[in-house]
C-alpha atoms as a PDB file:
ATOM      1  CA  MET A   1     116.546-139.771   8.783  1.00  0.00           C
ATOM      2  CA  LEU A   2     112.967-140.858   9.305  1.00  0.00           C
ATOM      3  CA  ASN A   3     112.349-137.682  11.291  1.00  0.00           C
ATOM      4  CA  LYS A   4     113.559-135.525   8.380  1.00  0.00           C
ATOM      5  CA  PHE A   5     111.372-137.444   5.935  1.00  0.00           C
ATOM      6  CA  LEU A   6     108.273-136.956   8.120  1.00  0.00           C
ATOM      7  CA  THR A   7     109.024-133.248   8.524  1.00  0.00           C
ATOM      8  CA  PHE A   8     109.437-132.815   4.788  1.00  0.00           C
ATOM      9  CA  THR A   9     106.224-134.739   4.042  1.00  0.00           C
ATOM     10  CA  LEU A  10     104.285-132.729   6.638  1.00  0.00           C
ATOM     11  CA  PHE A  11     105.639-129.491   5.155  1.00  0.00           C
ATOM     12  CA  CYS A  12     104.561-130.474   1.614  1.00  0.00           C
ATOM     13  CA  CYS A  13     101.076-131.491   2.787  1.00  0.00           C
ATOM     14  CA  LEU A  14     100.568-128.257   4.721  1.00  0.00           C
ATOM     15  CA  THR A  15     101.772-126.220   1.741  1.00  0.00           C
ATOM     16  CA  ALA A  16      99.293-127.980  -0.536  1.00  0.00           C
ATOM     17  CA  VAL A  17      96.416-127.512   1.924  1.00  0.00           C
ATOM     18  CA  PHE A  18      97.126-123.842   2.594  1.00  0.00           C
ATOM     19  CA  GLY A  19      97.663-123.214  -1.112  1.00  0.00           C
ATOM     20  CA  GLY A  20      94.227-124.660  -1.809  1.00  0.00           C
ATOM     21  CA  VAL A  21      92.679-122.523   0.935  1.00  0.00           C
ATOM     22  CA  VAL A  22      94.274-119.360  -0.414  1.00  0.00           C
ATOM     23  CA  ARG A  23      93.229-120.244  -3.949  1.00  0.00           C
ATOM     24  CA  GLY A  24      89.657-120.846  -2.792  1.00  0.00           C
ATOM     25  CA  GLN A  25      89.422-117.416  -1.227  1.00  0.00           C
ATOM     26  CA  THR A  26      90.175-115.558  -4.444  1.00  0.00           C
ATOM     27  CA  GLU A  27      87.322-115.227  -6.893  1.00  0.00           C
ATOM     28  CA  VAL A  28      88.035-116.030 -10.491  1.00  0.00           C
ATOM     29  CA  GLY A  29      84.495-115.601 -11.764  1.00  0.00           C
ATOM     30  CA  PRO A  30      83.491-113.143 -14.491  1.00  0.00           C
ATOM     31  CA  GLN A  31      82.182-110.642 -11.903  1.00  0.00           C
ATOM     32  CA  SER A  32      85.547-110.263 -10.200  1.00  0.00           C
ATOM     33  CA  GLN A  33      87.622-109.769 -13.348  1.00  0.00           C
ATOM     34  CA  LYS A  34      88.142-106.126 -14.220  1.00  0.00           C
ATOM     35  CA  THR A  35      87.797-105.494 -17.905  1.00  0.00           C
ATOM     36  CA  THR A  36      90.129-103.015 -19.500  1.00  0.00           C
ATOM     37  CA  SER A  37      87.278-101.195 -21.156  1.00  0.00           C
ATOM     38  CA  GLN A  38      84.681-100.402 -18.528  1.00  0.00           C
ATOM     39  CA  LYS A  39      82.843 -98.149 -20.982  1.00  0.00           C
ATOM     40  CA  GLU A  40      81.654-101.225 -22.853  1.00  0.00           C
ATOM     41  CA  ASP A  41      79.716-102.271 -19.767  1.00  0.00           C
ATOM     42  CA  LEU A  42      77.916 -98.929 -19.465  1.00  0.00           C
ATOM     43  CA  PRO A  43      74.433 -98.365 -20.874  1.00  0.00           C
ATOM     44  CA  ASP A  44      74.113 -96.397 -24.112  1.00  0.00           C
ATOM     45  CA  ASN A  45      72.588 -93.303 -22.495  1.00  0.00           C
ATOM     46  CA  ILE A  46      75.523 -93.007 -20.082  1.00  0.00           C
ATOM     47  CA  LYS A  47      77.987 -93.422 -22.958  1.00  0.00           C
ATOM     48  CA  GLU A  48      76.219 -90.613 -24.834  1.00  0.00           C
ATOM     49  CA  THR A  49      76.277 -88.369 -21.767  1.00  0.00           C
ATOM     50  CA  LEU A  50      80.000 -88.985 -21.269  1.00  0.00           C
ATOM     51  CA  ALA A  51      80.670 -88.239 -24.940  1.00  0.00           C
ATOM     52  CA  LYS A  52      78.689 -84.977 -24.736  1.00  0.00           C
ATOM     53  CA  GLN A  53      80.591 -83.945 -21.606  1.00  0.00           C
ATOM     54  CA  ARG A  54      83.911 -84.692 -23.305  1.00  0.00           C
ATOM     55  CA  ILE A  55      82.899 -82.631 -26.360  1.00  0.00           C
ATOM     56  CA  GLU A  56      81.773 -79.725 -24.169  1.00  0.00           C
ATOM     57  CA  ARG A  57      85.043 -79.875 -22.197  1.00  0.00           C
ATOM     58  CA  GLU A  58      87.069 -79.822 -25.435  1.00  0.00           C
ATOM     59  CA  LYS A  59      85.053 -76.857 -26.745  1.00  0.00           C
ATOM     60  CA  LYS A  60      85.597 -75.008 -23.475  1.00  0.00           C
ATOM     61  CA  GLU A  61      89.357 -75.683 -23.591  1.00  0.00           C
ATOM     62  CA  TYR A  62      89.514 -74.463 -27.202  1.00  0.00           C
ATOM     63  CA  ASP A  63      87.550 -71.303 -26.327  1.00  0.00           C
ATOM     64  CA  GLU A  64      89.942 -70.673 -23.424  1.00  0.00           C
ATOM     65  CA  LEU A  65      92.876 -71.113 -25.815  1.00  0.00           C
ATOM     66  CA  LEU A  66      91.379 -68.536 -28.190  1.00  0.00           C
ATOM     67  CA  ALA A  67      90.757 -66.160 -25.272  1.00  0.00           C
ATOM     68  CA  ARG A  68      94.406 -66.492 -24.195  1.00  0.00           C
ATOM     69  CA  CYS A  69      95.531 -65.766 -27.764  1.00  0.00           C
ATOM     70  CA  ARG A  70      93.327 -62.676 -27.955  1.00  0.00           C
ATOM     71  CA  GLU A  71      94.688 -61.464 -24.621  1.00  0.00           C
ATOM     72  CA  ALA A  72      98.254 -62.052 -25.844  1.00  0.00           C
ATOM     73  CA  VAL A  73      97.538 -59.968 -28.957  1.00  0.00           C
ATOM     74  CA  LYS A  74      96.035 -57.208 -26.813  1.00  0.00           C
ATOM     75  CA  ILE A  75      99.012 -57.162 -24.440  1.00  0.00           C
ATOM     76  CA  SER A  76     101.528 -57.189 -27.303  1.00  0.00           C
ATOM     77  CA  ASP A  77      99.700 -54.251 -28.940  1.00  0.00           C
ATOM     78  CA  GLU A  78      99.828 -52.332 -25.665  1.00  0.00           C
ATOM     79  CA  LEU A  79     103.521 -53.138 -25.220  1.00  0.00           C
ATOM     80  CA  GLU A  80     104.380 -52.030 -28.751  1.00  0.00           C
ATOM     81  CA  ARG A  81     102.487 -48.744 -28.388  1.00  0.00           C
ATOM     82  CA  SER A  82     103.892 -48.099 -24.917  1.00  0.00           C
ATOM     83  CA  PHE A  83     107.491 -48.649 -25.959  1.00  0.00           C
ATOM     84  CA  ALA A  84     107.064 -46.662 -29.183  1.00  0.00           C
ATOM     85  CA  ASN A  85     105.854 -43.677 -27.141  1.00  0.00           C
ATOM     86  CA  SER A  86     108.263 -43.743 -24.199  1.00  0.00           C
ATOM     87  CA  GLN A  87     111.315 -45.599 -25.616  1.00  0.00           C
ATOM     88  CA  GLN A  88     111.971 -47.128 -22.195  1.00  0.00           C
ATOM     89  CA  MET A  89     110.893 -50.055 -20.078  1.00  0.00           C
ATOM     90  CA  THR A  90     108.622 -49.198 -17.172  1.00  0.00           C
ATOM     91  CA  PRO A  91     107.585 -51.477 -14.310  1.00  0.00           C
ATOM     92  CA  GLU A  92     104.157 -51.705 -15.949  1.00  0.00           C
ATOM     93  CA  THR A  93     105.790 -52.842 -19.191  1.00  0.00           C
ATOM     94  CA  ALA A  94     107.768 -55.468 -17.279  1.00  0.00           C
ATOM     95  CA  LYS A  95     104.566 -56.777 -15.678  1.00  0.00           C
ATOM     96  CA  LYS A  96     102.900 -56.967 -19.077  1.00  0.00           C
ATOM     97  CA  LEU A  97     105.914 -58.831 -20.465  1.00  0.00           C
ATOM     98  CA  ASP A  98     105.672 -61.329 -17.605  1.00  0.00           C
ATOM     99  CA  ARG A  99     101.950 -61.787 -18.217  1.00  0.00           C
ATOM    100  CA  LEU A 100     102.561 -62.227 -21.957  1.00  0.00           C
ATOM    101  CA  GLU A 101     105.252 -64.819 -21.301  1.00  0.00           C
ATOM    102  CA  LYS A 102     102.925 -66.798 -19.017  1.00  0.00           C
ATOM    103  CA  LEU A 103     100.131 -66.649 -21.595  1.00  0.00           C
ATOM    104  CA  VAL A 104     102.355 -67.804 -24.438  1.00  0.00           C
ATOM    105  CA  LYS A 105     103.759 -70.647 -22.321  1.00  0.00           C
ATOM    106  CA  LYS A 106     100.219 -71.753 -21.470  1.00  0.00           C
ATOM    107  CA  ILE A 107      99.205 -71.536 -25.143  1.00  0.00           C
ATOM    108  CA  ARG A 108     102.237 -73.574 -26.180  1.00  0.00           C
ATOM    109  CA  GLY A 109     101.466 -76.156 -23.503  1.00  0.00           C
ATOM    110  CA  ASP A 110      97.841 -76.406 -24.624  1.00  0.00           C
ATOM    111  CA  LEU A 111      99.020 -76.951 -28.188  1.00  0.00           C
ATOM    112  CA  GLY A 112     101.242 -79.786 -27.026  1.00  0.00           C
ATOM    113  CA  GLY A 113     104.522 -77.978 -27.535  1.00  0.00           C
ATOM    114  CA  ASP A 114     107.633 -77.945 -25.436  1.00  0.00           C
ATOM    115  CA  ASP A 115     110.638 -75.693 -24.930  1.00  0.00           C
ATOM    116  CA  ASP A 116     112.516 -75.350 -28.206  1.00  0.00           C
ATOM    117  CA  ASP A 117     115.936 -74.189 -27.045  1.00  0.00           C
ATOM    118  CA  SER A 118     117.759 -77.120 -28.621  1.00  0.00           C
ATOM    119  CA  THR A 119     116.470 -76.420 -32.129  1.00  0.00           C
ATOM    120  CA  ALA A 120     116.642 -72.660 -32.021  1.00  0.00           C
ATOM    121  CA  GLU A 121     116.436 -70.925 -35.336  1.00  0.00           C
ATOM    122  CA  LYS A 122     119.968 -69.944 -36.263  1.00  0.00           C
ATOM    123  CA  ASN A 123     118.999 -67.571 -39.054  1.00  0.00           C
ATOM    124  CA  GLU A 124     116.790 -65.422 -36.850  1.00  0.00           C
ATOM    125  CA  THR A 125     118.396 -62.034 -36.347  1.00  0.00           C
ATOM    126  CA  THR A 126     118.232 -60.382 -32.977  1.00  0.00           C
ATOM    127  CA  PRO A 127     117.997 -56.634 -32.704  1.00  0.00           C
ATOM    128  CA  GLU A 128     121.081 -55.058 -31.181  1.00  0.00           C
ATOM    129  CA  THR A 129     120.215 -51.397 -30.617  1.00  0.00           C
ATOM    130  CA  GLU A 130     117.371 -49.309 -29.228  1.00  0.00           C
ATOM    131  CA  ASN A 131     115.858 -49.342 -32.713  1.00  0.00           C
ATOM    132  CA  GLY A 132     116.201 -53.108 -32.440  1.00  0.00           C
ATOM    133  CA  LEU A 133     114.041 -53.079 -29.325  1.00  0.00           C
ATOM    134  CA  VAL A 134     111.370 -51.175 -31.224  1.00  0.00           C
ATOM    135  CA  ALA A 135     111.641 -53.792 -33.960  1.00  0.00           C
ATOM    136  CA  ALA A 136     111.451 -56.548 -31.337  1.00  0.00           C
ATOM    137  CA  PHE A 137     108.233 -55.075 -29.934  1.00  0.00           C
ATOM    138  CA  LYS A 138     106.814 -54.872 -33.463  1.00  0.00           C
ATOM    139  CA  LYS A 139     107.806 -58.493 -34.131  1.00  0.00           C
ATOM    140  CA  LEU A 140     106.201 -59.422 -30.828  1.00  0.00           C
ATOM    141  CA  GLN A 141     102.953 -57.771 -31.886  1.00  0.00           C
ATOM    142  CA  THR A 142     102.929 -59.307 -35.369  1.00  0.00           C
ATOM    143  CA  GLY A 143     103.889 -62.722 -34.000  1.00  0.00           C
ATOM    144  CA  ALA A 144     101.040 -62.676 -31.487  1.00  0.00           C
ATOM    145  CA  ALA A 145      98.602 -61.654 -34.219  1.00  0.00           C
ATOM    146  CA  GLN A 146      99.955 -64.409 -36.461  1.00  0.00           C
ATOM    147  CA  LEU A 147      99.541 -66.944 -33.636  1.00  0.00           C
ATOM    148  CA  LEU A 148      95.924 -65.898 -33.095  1.00  0.00           C
ATOM    149  CA  ASP A 149      95.230 -66.079 -36.823  1.00  0.00           C
ATOM    150  CA  ASP A 150      96.714 -69.560 -37.119  1.00  0.00           C
ATOM    151  CA  ILE A 151      94.875 -70.916 -34.076  1.00  0.00           C
ATOM    152  CA  THR A 152      91.620 -69.374 -35.275  1.00  0.00           C
ATOM    153  CA  LYS A 153      92.031 -71.111 -38.644  1.00  0.00           C
ATOM    154  CA  SER A 154      92.760 -74.490 -37.072  1.00  0.00           C
ATOM    155  CA  THR A 155      90.274 -76.764 -35.365  1.00  0.00           C
ATOM    156  CA  ARG A 156      90.384 -77.963 -31.816  1.00  0.00           C
ATOM    157  CA  TYR A 157      91.269 -81.429 -33.113  1.00  0.00           C
ATOM    158  CA  SER A 158      94.422 -80.368 -34.912  1.00  0.00           C
ATOM    159  CA  ILE A 159      97.900 -79.692 -33.622  1.00  0.00           C
ATOM    160  CA  SER A 160      99.622 -76.905 -35.493  1.00  0.00           C
ATOM    161  CA  VAL A 161     103.395 -77.165 -35.573  1.00  0.00           C
ATOM    162  CA  PHE A 162     103.510 -73.642 -36.978  1.00  0.00           C
ATOM    163  CA  SER A 163     101.610 -72.349 -33.923  1.00  0.00           C
ATOM    164  CA  ILE A 164     104.056 -74.070 -31.594  1.00  0.00           C
ATOM    165  CA  GLN A 165     107.011 -72.589 -33.485  1.00  0.00           C
ATOM    166  CA  THR A 166     105.394 -69.143 -33.389  1.00  0.00           C
ATOM    167  CA  SER A 167     104.848 -69.400 -29.640  1.00  0.00           C
ATOM    168  CA  ASN A 168     108.496 -70.433 -29.182  1.00  0.00           C
ATOM    169  CA  ALA A 169     109.595 -67.426 -31.255  1.00  0.00           C
ATOM    170  CA  LEU A 170     107.406 -65.142 -29.123  1.00  0.00           C
ATOM    171  CA  LEU A 171     108.989 -66.518 -25.964  1.00  0.00           C
ATOM    172  CA  LYS A 172     112.457 -65.855 -27.401  1.00  0.00           C
ATOM    173  CA  LEU A 173     111.458 -62.267 -28.179  1.00  0.00           C
ATOM    174  CA  VAL A 174     110.109 -61.767 -24.657  1.00  0.00           C
ATOM    175  CA  ARG A 175     113.378 -63.092 -23.206  1.00  0.00           C
ATOM    176  CA  PHE A 176     115.375 -60.852 -25.552  1.00  0.00           C
ATOM    177  CA  ILE A 177     113.377 -57.770 -24.540  1.00  0.00           C
ATOM    178  CA  ARG A 178     113.706 -58.630 -20.853  1.00  0.00           C
ATOM    179  CA  PHE A 179     117.479 -59.053 -21.298  1.00  0.00           C
ATOM    180  CA  PHE A 180     117.881 -55.549 -22.760  1.00  0.00           C
ATOM    181  CA  LYS A 181     115.629 -53.660 -20.377  1.00  0.00           C
END
């Protein structure tokens, strides 16, 4: 019994000593604590430089968004004219449709949108004949122009729900056209 008591006492003493040693090796001073806002510690000129870089990056992203919208309008114009002339889908038209779909997905992603299959517009009519495909290409062209117009009117700080809905509608039209080719 005495042996167990000595073992237990020795164990408690060693735990206290090693706990103190471990505690002494960790720094708790103000230099070791990481603040959540490291920007507060930076000098003013560095803060200004970081703010300017952020503004320039946002401007560049917005300009790239506008460039993608302009390219989408250009491709949709070409697709509408091409299909109006030939009344058939060519491999070149299919490539342009793929490129347009990628552009519109990128635009929608940049706007903060997501796939809208769950809340699809029920009242939207889908063309059912060859004349319907011509109408679909025209809707594609007008939708792309409308998307560009809306994004041009908005600022880079705003999120336009209408633009996201328009991009979702354009993606549905591209899928419809691809289905009937």
